[in-house]
Amino acid sequence: MIRLENINKYYQQGDSQFHVLHDINLNIDAGELVAIIGESGSGKSTLINIIGFLDDKFEGTYYYNDEPIHDYDRKDFSKLRNENVGFVFQNFKLLRDVSVAENVALPLLYAGKKRAEIKERVSEVLSKVGLAVYFFNDTATTEIYTLSLHDALPILVMKINCLKICLVGSNSVFR
């Protein structure tokens, strides 16, 4: 699914250039769980940004589903990201003023899916984790801030399950 070959990343700061990623080689198969662990400043977030199609300024080759994408422009990366990647941020990044179902649907809307497909998928994923009540009755308009952390975490997972790649910030998992 993901293959990185000799990935290098540099940052310019004034007259100095910092070599952050050095010849990174990585293969990630579909469904595989991979942890990127390292000290602060070691390049974990930089690597995640490249894997998640947020950073297109790197050297090396990147294959996604066996297609070379290292020469894509920002527009191409944006399309790939919207259709394939879900991010879990440390502070959840759930929208507070919309319903649970709308939060789950958001990645599919960004990916340009049709409303009927979105409705079916949201219903499916909410049902999978026992939160169908937020889709099938009047509580569908329940605002996200009324949910406990216990209920909010599965919503994040469901948002991600609507996509193909899940990238989780390091502090999100290990606190």
N, C-alpha and C. Protein backbone atom coordinates (compact mmCIF):
# COMPACT_ATOMS: atom_id res chain seq x y z
N MET A 1 0.82 -1.19 0.00
CA MET A 1 0.00 0.00 0.00
C MET A 1 0.87 1.27 0.00
N ILE A 2 1.83 1.34 0.95
CA ILE A 2 2.74 2.48 1.02
C ILE A 2 4.16 1.96 0.94
N ARG A 3 4.93 2.54 0.03
CA ARG A 3 6.34 2.19 -0.06
C ARG A 3 7.15 3.47 -0.22
N LEU A 4 8.04 3.71 0.73
CA LEU A 4 8.93 4.87 0.68
C LEU A 4 10.34 4.35 0.42
N GLU A 5 11.04 5.01 -0.50
CA GLU A 5 12.41 4.62 -0.82
C GLU A 5 13.31 5.84 -0.78
N ASN A 6 14.31 5.76 0.09
CA ASN A 6 15.32 6.81 0.21
C ASN A 6 14.72 8.21 0.36
N ILE A 7 13.78 8.34 1.28
CA ILE A 7 13.13 9.63 1.52
C ILE A 7 14.06 10.51 2.35
N ASN A 8 14.29 11.71 1.87
CA ASN A 8 15.09 12.72 2.56
C ASN A 8 14.28 14.00 2.65
N LYS A 9 14.41 14.67 3.76
CA LYS A 9 13.70 15.93 3.97
C LYS A 9 14.66 16.91 4.61
N TYR A 10 14.66 18.12 4.06
CA TYR A 10 15.52 19.18 4.57
C TYR A 10 14.65 20.38 4.94
N TYR A 11 15.06 21.07 5.99
CA TYR A 11 14.44 22.35 6.35
C TYR A 11 15.50 23.43 6.31
N GLN A 12 15.13 24.56 5.78
CA GLN A 12 16.03 25.70 5.71
C GLN A 12 15.68 26.65 6.85
N GLN A 13 16.68 27.06 7.62
CA GLN A 13 16.48 28.06 8.66
C GLN A 13 17.62 29.06 8.56
N GLY A 14 17.29 30.23 8.00
CA GLY A 14 18.33 31.22 7.75
C GLY A 14 19.32 30.68 6.74
N ASP A 15 20.60 30.74 7.09
CA ASP A 15 21.64 30.23 6.21
C ASP A 15 21.91 28.75 6.41
N SER A 16 21.25 28.15 7.38
CA SER A 16 21.50 26.75 7.72
C SER A 16 20.43 25.84 7.12
N GLN A 17 20.89 24.67 6.70
CA GLN A 17 19.98 23.65 6.20
C GLN A 17 20.06 22.44 7.13
N PHE A 18 18.89 21.95 7.57
CA PHE A 18 18.83 20.82 8.48
C PHE A 18 18.29 19.61 7.75
N HIS A 19 19.03 18.53 7.81
CA HIS A 19 18.65 17.26 7.17
C HIS A 19 17.86 16.46 8.21
N VAL A 20 16.54 16.49 8.12
CA VAL A 20 15.67 15.92 9.15
C VAL A 20 15.43 14.43 8.94
N LEU A 21 15.12 14.03 7.73
CA LEU A 21 14.92 12.61 7.40
C LEU A 21 16.05 12.16 6.50
N HIS A 22 16.71 11.05 6.87
CA HIS A 22 17.88 10.56 6.16
C HIS A 22 17.58 9.20 5.53
N ASP A 23 17.40 9.16 4.23
CA ASP A 23 17.25 7.90 3.49
C ASP A 23 16.27 6.93 4.15
N ILE A 24 15.06 7.38 4.39
CA ILE A 24 14.03 6.55 5.02
C ILE A 24 13.48 5.57 3.99
N ASN A 25 13.47 4.30 4.36
CA ASN A 25 12.86 3.24 3.56
C ASN A 25 11.80 2.57 4.42
N LEU A 26 10.59 2.46 3.90
CA LEU A 26 9.49 1.95 4.70
C LEU A 26 8.45 1.31 3.79
N ASN A 27 7.95 0.15 4.20
CA ASN A 27 6.84 -0.52 3.51
C ASN A 27 5.73 -0.73 4.52
N ILE A 28 4.52 -0.33 4.16
CA ILE A 28 3.35 -0.54 5.01
C ILE A 28 2.28 -1.21 4.15
N ASP A 29 1.86 -2.40 4.56
CA ASP A 29 0.81 -3.12 3.85
C ASP A 29 -0.56 -2.68 4.33
N ALA A 30 -1.57 -2.86 3.51
CA ALA A 30 -2.95 -2.54 3.90
C ALA A 30 -3.30 -3.31 5.17
N GLY A 31 -3.89 -2.62 6.13
CA GLY A 31 -4.31 -3.24 7.38
C GLY A 31 -3.21 -3.38 8.41
N GLU A 32 -2.00 -3.05 8.06
CA GLU A 32 -0.87 -3.18 8.98
C GLU A 32 -0.84 -2.00 9.95
N LEU A 33 -0.51 -2.28 11.21
CA LEU A 33 -0.36 -1.26 12.23
C LEU A 33 1.12 -0.98 12.41
N VAL A 34 1.51 0.27 12.25
CA VAL A 34 2.91 0.66 12.34
C VAL A 34 3.04 1.80 13.35
N ALA A 35 4.01 1.70 14.24
CA ALA A 35 4.30 2.78 15.19
C ALA A 35 5.59 3.45 14.78
N ILE A 36 5.57 4.76 14.71
CA ILE A 36 6.77 5.55 14.44
C ILE A 36 7.15 6.19 15.77
N ILE A 37 8.23 5.72 16.35
CA ILE A 37 8.61 6.12 17.69
C ILE A 37 9.99 6.76 17.64
N GLY A 38 10.17 7.83 18.39
CA GLY A 38 11.48 8.47 18.45
C GLY A 38 11.44 9.65 19.39
N GLU A 39 12.61 10.19 19.63
CA GLU A 39 12.73 11.34 20.52
C GLU A 39 12.11 12.58 19.88
N SER A 40 11.83 13.56 20.70
CA SER A 40 11.34 14.84 20.21
C SER A 40 12.34 15.41 19.22
N GLY A 41 11.84 15.87 18.09
CA GLY A 41 12.71 16.46 17.07
C GLY A 41 13.38 15.45 16.15
N SER A 42 13.01 14.18 16.26
CA SER A 42 13.67 13.15 15.44
C SER A 42 13.06 13.01 14.04
N GLY A 43 11.95 13.69 13.77
CA GLY A 43 11.35 13.64 12.43
C GLY A 43 10.08 12.82 12.32
N LYS A 44 9.52 12.38 13.45
CA LYS A 44 8.29 11.56 13.42
C LYS A 44 7.15 12.31 12.72
N SER A 45 6.89 13.53 13.16
CA SER A 45 5.79 14.31 12.56
C SER A 45 6.07 14.62 11.10
N THR A 46 7.31 14.88 10.78
CA THR A 46 7.68 15.14 9.38
C THR A 46 7.38 13.92 8.52
N LEU A 47 7.74 12.75 9.02
CA LEU A 47 7.47 11.52 8.28
C LEU A 47 5.97 11.27 8.15
N ILE A 48 5.23 11.48 9.22
CA ILE A 48 3.77 11.32 9.17
C ILE A 48 3.16 12.29 8.16
N ASN A 49 3.67 13.52 8.11
CA ASN A 49 3.16 14.49 7.14
C ASN A 49 3.41 14.04 5.70
N ILE A 50 4.54 13.41 5.46
CA ILE A 50 4.83 12.89 4.12
C ILE A 50 3.93 11.70 3.82
N ILE A 51 3.83 10.76 4.75
CA ILE A 51 2.98 9.59 4.55
C ILE A 51 1.54 10.01 4.29
N GLY A 52 1.08 11.03 5.02
CA GLY A 52 -0.31 11.49 4.92
C GLY A 52 -0.58 12.50 3.82
N PHE A 53 0.37 12.67 2.92
CA PHE A 53 0.22 13.55 1.76
C PHE A 53 0.07 15.02 2.13
N LEU A 54 0.57 15.42 3.32
CA LEU A 54 0.54 16.82 3.71
C LEU A 54 1.77 17.58 3.24
N ASP A 55 2.87 16.87 3.09
CA ASP A 55 4.14 17.48 2.70
C ASP A 55 4.58 16.90 1.37
N ASP A 56 4.73 17.75 0.37
CA ASP A 56 5.14 17.27 -0.94
C ASP A 56 6.56 17.71 -1.30
N LYS A 57 7.27 18.29 -0.34
CA LYS A 57 8.63 18.77 -0.58
C LYS A 57 9.62 17.82 0.09
N PHE A 58 9.96 16.77 -0.61
CA PHE A 58 10.91 15.78 -0.10
C PHE A 58 11.64 15.17 -1.28
N GLU A 59 12.75 14.52 -0.98
CA GLU A 59 13.50 13.78 -2.00
C GLU A 59 13.25 12.30 -1.79
N GLY A 60 13.30 11.54 -2.85
CA GLY A 60 13.09 10.10 -2.78
C GLY A 60 11.85 9.70 -3.54
N THR A 61 11.52 8.41 -3.45
CA THR A 61 10.36 7.90 -4.18
C THR A 61 9.30 7.41 -3.20
N TYR A 62 8.06 7.70 -3.54
CA TYR A 62 6.91 7.34 -2.72
C TYR A 62 5.92 6.65 -3.65
N TYR A 63 5.55 5.41 -3.27
CA TYR A 63 4.56 4.65 -4.02
C TYR A 63 3.36 4.43 -3.12
N TYR A 64 2.19 4.73 -3.64
CA TYR A 64 0.94 4.48 -2.93
C TYR A 64 0.12 3.54 -3.81
N ASN A 65 -0.22 2.37 -3.28
CA ASN A 65 -0.90 1.33 -4.07
C ASN A 65 -0.14 1.05 -5.37
N ASP A 66 1.16 0.96 -5.26
CA ASP A 66 2.07 0.65 -6.36
C ASP A 66 2.13 1.72 -7.45
N GLU A 67 1.55 2.87 -7.19
CA GLU A 67 1.61 3.99 -8.13
C GLU A 67 2.64 5.01 -7.63
N PRO A 68 3.56 5.45 -8.49
CA PRO A 68 4.52 6.47 -8.06
C PRO A 68 3.81 7.82 -7.87
N ILE A 69 3.97 8.40 -6.68
CA ILE A 69 3.30 9.67 -6.41
C ILE A 69 4.28 10.76 -5.99
N HIS A 70 5.58 10.46 -5.98
CA HIS A 70 6.57 11.41 -5.50
C HIS A 70 6.66 12.67 -6.36
N ASP A 71 6.16 12.65 -7.57
CA ASP A 71 6.18 13.83 -8.43
C ASP A 71 4.82 14.55 -8.49
N TYR A 72 3.88 14.12 -7.67
CA TYR A 72 2.57 14.78 -7.64
C TYR A 72 2.72 16.22 -7.19
N ASP A 73 1.78 17.06 -7.62
CA ASP A 73 1.76 18.44 -7.13
C ASP A 73 0.78 18.53 -5.95
N ARG A 74 0.66 19.71 -5.37
CA ARG A 74 -0.19 19.90 -4.19
C ARG A 74 -1.64 19.50 -4.44
N LYS A 75 -2.14 19.80 -5.62
CA LYS A 75 -3.53 19.46 -5.95
C LYS A 75 -3.72 17.94 -5.95
N ASP A 76 -2.78 17.22 -6.53
CA ASP A 76 -2.86 15.75 -6.56
C ASP A 76 -2.78 15.17 -5.15
N PHE A 77 -1.84 15.70 -4.33
CA PHE A 77 -1.72 15.23 -2.96
C PHE A 77 -2.98 15.53 -2.16
N SER A 78 -3.56 16.68 -2.38
CA SER A 78 -4.79 17.06 -1.68
C SER A 78 -5.92 16.08 -2.00
N LYS A 79 -6.04 15.72 -3.27
CA LYS A 79 -7.08 14.76 -3.68
C LYS A 79 -6.84 13.40 -3.01
N LEU A 80 -5.60 12.92 -3.04
CA LEU A 80 -5.27 11.65 -2.39
C LEU A 80 -5.60 11.70 -0.90
N ARG A 81 -5.20 12.78 -0.24
CA ARG A 81 -5.43 12.93 1.20
C ARG A 81 -6.93 12.92 1.52
N ASN A 82 -7.70 13.68 0.78
CA ASN A 82 -9.13 13.77 1.05
C ASN A 82 -9.85 12.45 0.84
N GLU A 83 -9.36 11.64 -0.07
CA GLU A 83 -10.02 10.37 -0.39
C GLU A 83 -9.51 9.20 0.44
N ASN A 84 -8.34 9.34 1.08
CA ASN A 84 -7.71 8.17 1.66
C ASN A 84 -7.21 8.29 3.10
N VAL A 85 -7.01 9.48 3.61
CA VAL A 85 -6.32 9.63 4.89
C VAL A 85 -7.22 10.24 5.95
N GLY A 86 -7.15 9.65 7.14
CA GLY A 86 -7.79 10.22 8.31
C GLY A 86 -6.74 10.49 9.36
N PHE A 87 -6.81 11.63 9.99
CA PHE A 87 -5.85 12.00 11.03
C PHE A 87 -6.56 12.04 12.37
N VAL A 88 -5.93 11.53 13.41
CA VAL A 88 -6.42 11.69 14.78
C VAL A 88 -5.45 12.62 15.47
N PHE A 89 -5.95 13.77 15.87
CA PHE A 89 -5.12 14.75 16.55
C PHE A 89 -5.26 14.62 18.05
N GLN A 90 -4.29 15.16 18.77
CA GLN A 90 -4.24 15.03 20.21
C GLN A 90 -5.51 15.57 20.88
N ASN A 91 -6.08 16.65 20.37
CA ASN A 91 -7.28 17.20 20.99
C ASN A 91 -8.54 16.88 20.19
N PHE A 92 -8.51 15.77 19.46
CA PHE A 92 -9.64 15.18 18.73
C PHE A 92 -10.09 15.93 17.48
N LYS A 93 -10.13 17.24 17.47
CA LYS A 93 -10.55 18.00 16.29
C LYS A 93 -11.96 17.64 15.83
N LEU A 94 -12.84 17.31 16.75
CA LEU A 94 -14.24 17.11 16.40
C LEU A 94 -14.91 18.47 16.29
N LEU A 95 -15.84 18.61 15.38
CA LEU A 95 -16.58 19.86 15.25
C LEU A 95 -17.65 19.92 16.33
N ARG A 96 -17.64 20.97 17.13
CA ARG A 96 -18.50 21.06 18.30
C ARG A 96 -19.95 21.42 17.96
N ASP A 97 -20.18 22.10 16.88
CA ASP A 97 -21.51 22.63 16.61
C ASP A 97 -22.32 21.81 15.62
N VAL A 98 -21.89 20.61 15.35
CA VAL A 98 -22.65 19.74 14.46
C VAL A 98 -22.89 18.40 15.14
N SER A 99 -23.73 17.61 14.56
CA SER A 99 -24.11 16.34 15.18
C SER A 99 -23.00 15.30 15.09
N VAL A 100 -23.18 14.24 15.85
CA VAL A 100 -22.27 13.11 15.82
C VAL A 100 -22.20 12.56 14.40
N ALA A 101 -23.35 12.34 13.79
CA ALA A 101 -23.41 11.78 12.43
C ALA A 101 -22.68 12.70 11.44
N GLU A 102 -22.84 14.00 11.60
CA GLU A 102 -22.17 14.94 10.69
C GLU A 102 -20.65 14.89 10.87
N ASN A 103 -20.18 14.71 12.10
CA ASN A 103 -18.74 14.56 12.34
C ASN A 103 -18.21 13.32 11.65
N VAL A 104 -18.95 12.23 11.74
CA VAL A 104 -18.52 10.99 11.11
C VAL A 104 -18.52 11.14 9.58
N ALA A 105 -19.47 11.90 9.05
CA ALA A 105 -19.63 12.05 7.60
C ALA A 105 -18.60 12.98 6.97
N LEU A 106 -17.99 13.83 7.74
CA LEU A 106 -17.13 14.87 7.19
C LEU A 106 -16.04 14.37 6.24
N PRO A 107 -15.27 13.33 6.58
CA PRO A 107 -14.24 12.87 5.63
C PRO A 107 -14.82 12.42 4.30
N LEU A 108 -16.01 11.83 4.35
CA LEU A 108 -16.64 11.37 3.11
C LEU A 108 -17.12 12.55 2.26
N LEU A 109 -17.59 13.60 2.91
CA LEU A 109 -17.97 14.81 2.18
C LEU A 109 -16.75 15.41 1.48
N TYR A 110 -15.63 15.50 2.22
CA TYR A 110 -14.40 16.03 1.63
C TYR A 110 -13.92 15.19 0.46
N ALA A 111 -14.19 13.89 0.54
CA ALA A 111 -13.76 12.98 -0.53
C ALA A 111 -14.70 13.03 -1.74
N GLY A 112 -15.77 13.81 -1.65
CA GLY A 112 -16.68 13.97 -2.78
C GLY A 112 -17.67 12.83 -2.97
N LYS A 113 -17.91 12.07 -1.91
CA LYS A 113 -18.87 10.96 -2.01
C LYS A 113 -20.30 11.51 -2.13
N LYS A 114 -21.16 10.72 -2.72
CA LYS A 114 -22.56 11.12 -2.89
C LYS A 114 -23.31 10.99 -1.57
N ARG A 115 -24.32 11.84 -1.37
CA ARG A 115 -25.06 11.89 -0.09
C ARG A 115 -25.65 10.54 0.31
N ALA A 116 -26.18 9.81 -0.65
CA ALA A 116 -26.77 8.50 -0.32
C ALA A 116 -25.70 7.54 0.20
N GLU A 117 -24.54 7.56 -0.42
CA GLU A 117 -23.44 6.70 0.02
C GLU A 117 -22.97 7.12 1.42
N ILE A 118 -22.90 8.43 1.65
CA ILE A 118 -22.48 8.94 2.96
C ILE A 118 -23.45 8.50 4.04
N LYS A 119 -24.73 8.66 3.77
CA LYS A 119 -25.76 8.29 4.75
C LYS A 119 -25.66 6.81 5.10
N GLU A 120 -25.48 5.97 4.09
CA GLU A 120 -25.38 4.53 4.31
C GLU A 120 -24.14 4.19 5.13
N ARG A 121 -23.00 4.80 4.78
CA ARG A 121 -21.74 4.52 5.48
C ARG A 121 -21.78 5.00 6.93
N VAL A 122 -22.32 6.19 7.16
CA VAL A 122 -22.41 6.72 8.53
C VAL A 122 -23.29 5.82 9.38
N SER A 123 -24.40 5.41 8.84
CA SER A 123 -25.30 4.50 9.55
C SER A 123 -24.57 3.21 9.91
N GLU A 124 -23.82 2.70 8.95
CA GLU A 124 -23.08 1.44 9.16
C GLU A 124 -22.04 1.57 10.27
N VAL A 125 -21.23 2.64 10.23
CA VAL A 125 -20.16 2.74 11.22
C VAL A 125 -20.68 3.10 12.61
N LEU A 126 -21.73 3.89 12.69
CA LEU A 126 -22.33 4.18 14.00
C LEU A 126 -22.93 2.92 14.60
N SER A 127 -23.55 2.11 13.78
CA SER A 127 -24.12 0.85 14.26
C SER A 127 -23.04 -0.10 14.75
N LYS A 128 -21.90 -0.14 14.05
CA LYS A 128 -20.81 -1.04 14.40
C LYS A 128 -20.32 -0.87 15.83
N VAL A 129 -20.34 0.37 16.32
CA VAL A 129 -19.78 0.62 17.65
C VAL A 129 -20.87 0.94 18.68
N GLY A 130 -22.09 0.60 18.34
CA GLY A 130 -23.17 0.76 19.31
C GLY A 130 -23.65 2.19 19.51
N LEU A 131 -23.42 3.06 18.55
CA LEU A 131 -23.86 4.45 18.66
C LEU A 131 -24.91 4.80 17.61
N ALA A 132 -25.65 3.80 17.15
CA ALA A 132 -26.66 4.05 16.13
C ALA A 132 -27.72 5.03 16.61
N VAL A 133 -27.89 5.13 17.91
CA VAL A 133 -28.88 6.06 18.45
C VAL A 133 -28.62 7.49 17.96
N TYR A 134 -27.35 7.80 17.67
CA TYR A 134 -27.01 9.15 17.18
C TYR A 134 -27.34 9.33 15.71
N PHE A 135 -27.81 8.29 15.07
CA PHE A 135 -28.17 8.40 13.66
C PHE A 135 -29.65 8.17 13.43
N PHE A 136 -30.25 7.23 14.17
CA PHE A 136 -31.57 6.76 13.83
C PHE A 136 -32.74 7.46 14.52
N ASN A 137 -32.48 8.36 15.47
CA ASN A 137 -33.61 9.04 16.09
C ASN A 137 -33.30 10.51 16.32
N ASP A 138 -34.12 11.16 17.10
CA ASP A 138 -34.01 12.60 17.29
C ASP A 138 -32.69 13.04 17.90
N THR A 139 -31.97 12.13 18.55
CA THR A 139 -30.71 12.52 19.15
C THR A 139 -29.60 12.66 18.11
N ALA A 140 -29.93 12.46 16.85
CA ALA A 140 -28.93 12.64 15.80
C ALA A 140 -28.40 14.07 15.79
N THR A 141 -29.15 14.99 16.34
CA THR A 141 -28.70 16.38 16.38
C THR A 141 -27.93 16.69 17.66
N THR A 142 -27.70 15.68 18.49
CA THR A 142 -26.92 15.88 19.70
C THR A 142 -25.58 16.50 19.33
N GLU A 143 -25.24 17.57 20.00
CA GLU A 143 -23.97 18.22 19.70
C GLU A 143 -22.83 17.42 20.32
N ILE A 144 -21.71 17.48 19.70
CA ILE A 144 -20.56 16.65 20.07
C ILE A 144 -20.09 16.92 21.49
N TYR A 145 -20.22 18.16 21.98
CA TYR A 145 -19.69 18.46 23.30
C TYR A 145 -20.48 17.80 24.43
N THR A 146 -21.63 17.24 24.13
CA THR A 146 -22.40 16.56 25.17
C THR A 146 -21.93 15.12 25.37
N LEU A 147 -21.03 14.64 24.52
CA LEU A 147 -20.56 13.27 24.62
C LEU A 147 -19.38 13.17 25.57
N SER A 148 -19.28 12.05 26.25
CA SER A 148 -18.12 11.80 27.10
C SER A 148 -16.96 11.36 26.22
N LEU A 149 -15.76 11.37 26.80
CA LEU A 149 -14.59 10.88 26.09
C LEU A 149 -14.82 9.44 25.64
N HIS A 150 -15.49 8.67 26.47
CA HIS A 150 -15.78 7.27 26.16
C HIS A 150 -16.55 7.16 24.84
N ASP A 151 -17.47 8.09 24.60
CA ASP A 151 -18.24 8.07 23.36
C ASP A 151 -17.52 8.79 22.22
N ALA A 152 -16.71 9.80 22.53
CA ALA A 152 -16.05 10.58 21.49
C ALA A 152 -14.96 9.78 20.78
N LEU A 153 -14.23 8.96 21.51
CA LEU A 153 -13.14 8.20 20.89
C LEU A 153 -13.63 7.27 19.78
N PRO A 154 -14.71 6.52 19.99
CA PRO A 154 -15.19 5.69 18.87
C PRO A 154 -15.60 6.50 17.64
N ILE A 155 -16.06 7.73 17.86
CA ILE A 155 -16.45 8.57 16.72
C ILE A 155 -15.22 8.89 15.89
N LEU A 156 -14.10 9.16 16.56
CA LEU A 156 -12.86 9.37 15.82
C LEU A 156 -12.48 8.13 15.04
N VAL A 157 -12.57 7.00 15.69
CA VAL A 157 -12.23 5.74 15.01
C VAL A 157 -13.14 5.54 13.81
N MET A 158 -14.42 5.84 13.98
CA MET A 158 -15.35 5.68 12.86
C MET A 158 -15.01 6.63 11.73
N LYS A 159 -14.62 7.86 12.05
CA LYS A 159 -14.23 8.80 11.00
C LYS A 159 -13.08 8.22 10.20
N ILE A 160 -12.16 7.62 10.89
CA ILE A 160 -11.01 7.03 10.24
C ILE A 160 -11.41 5.82 9.42
N ASN A 161 -12.31 5.00 9.92
CA ASN A 161 -12.72 3.79 9.20
C ASN A 161 -13.38 4.10 7.88
N CYS A 162 -13.81 5.32 7.69
CA CYS A 162 -14.39 5.71 6.41
C CYS A 162 -13.31 5.87 5.35
N LEU A 163 -12.04 5.85 5.77
CA LEU A 163 -10.93 6.09 4.88
C LEU A 163 -9.99 4.89 4.86
N LYS A 164 -8.84 5.03 4.22
CA LYS A 164 -7.93 3.89 4.05
C LYS A 164 -6.69 3.96 4.93
N ILE A 165 -6.22 5.16 5.27
CA ILE A 165 -5.02 5.33 6.08
C ILE A 165 -5.38 6.11 7.33
N CYS A 166 -4.94 5.63 8.48
CA CYS A 166 -5.16 6.32 9.75
C CYS A 166 -3.81 6.76 10.29
N LEU A 167 -3.63 8.06 10.49
CA LEU A 167 -2.40 8.58 11.08
C LEU A 167 -2.75 9.21 12.42
N VAL A 168 -2.08 8.73 13.45
CA VAL A 168 -2.36 9.17 14.82
C VAL A 168 -1.12 9.85 15.37
N GLY A 169 -1.29 11.07 15.92
CA GLY A 169 -0.17 11.77 16.55
C GLY A 169 0.32 11.00 17.75
N SER A 170 1.63 11.00 17.99
CA SER A 170 2.25 10.14 19.00
C SER A 170 1.67 10.37 20.40
N ASN A 171 1.44 11.58 20.81
CA ASN A 171 0.91 11.83 22.15
C ASN A 171 -0.53 11.37 22.29
N SER A 172 -1.24 11.23 21.19
CA SER A 172 -2.63 10.79 21.23
C SER A 172 -2.77 9.38 21.73
N VAL A 173 -1.77 8.55 21.47
CA VAL A 173 -1.86 7.13 21.80
C VAL A 173 -1.19 6.81 23.11
N PHE A 174 -0.10 7.47 23.43
CA PHE A 174 0.74 7.02 24.53
C PHE A 174 0.61 7.87 25.80
N ARG A 175 -0.45 8.61 25.98
CA ARG A 175 -0.63 9.40 27.21
C ARG A 175 -1.25 8.57 28.27
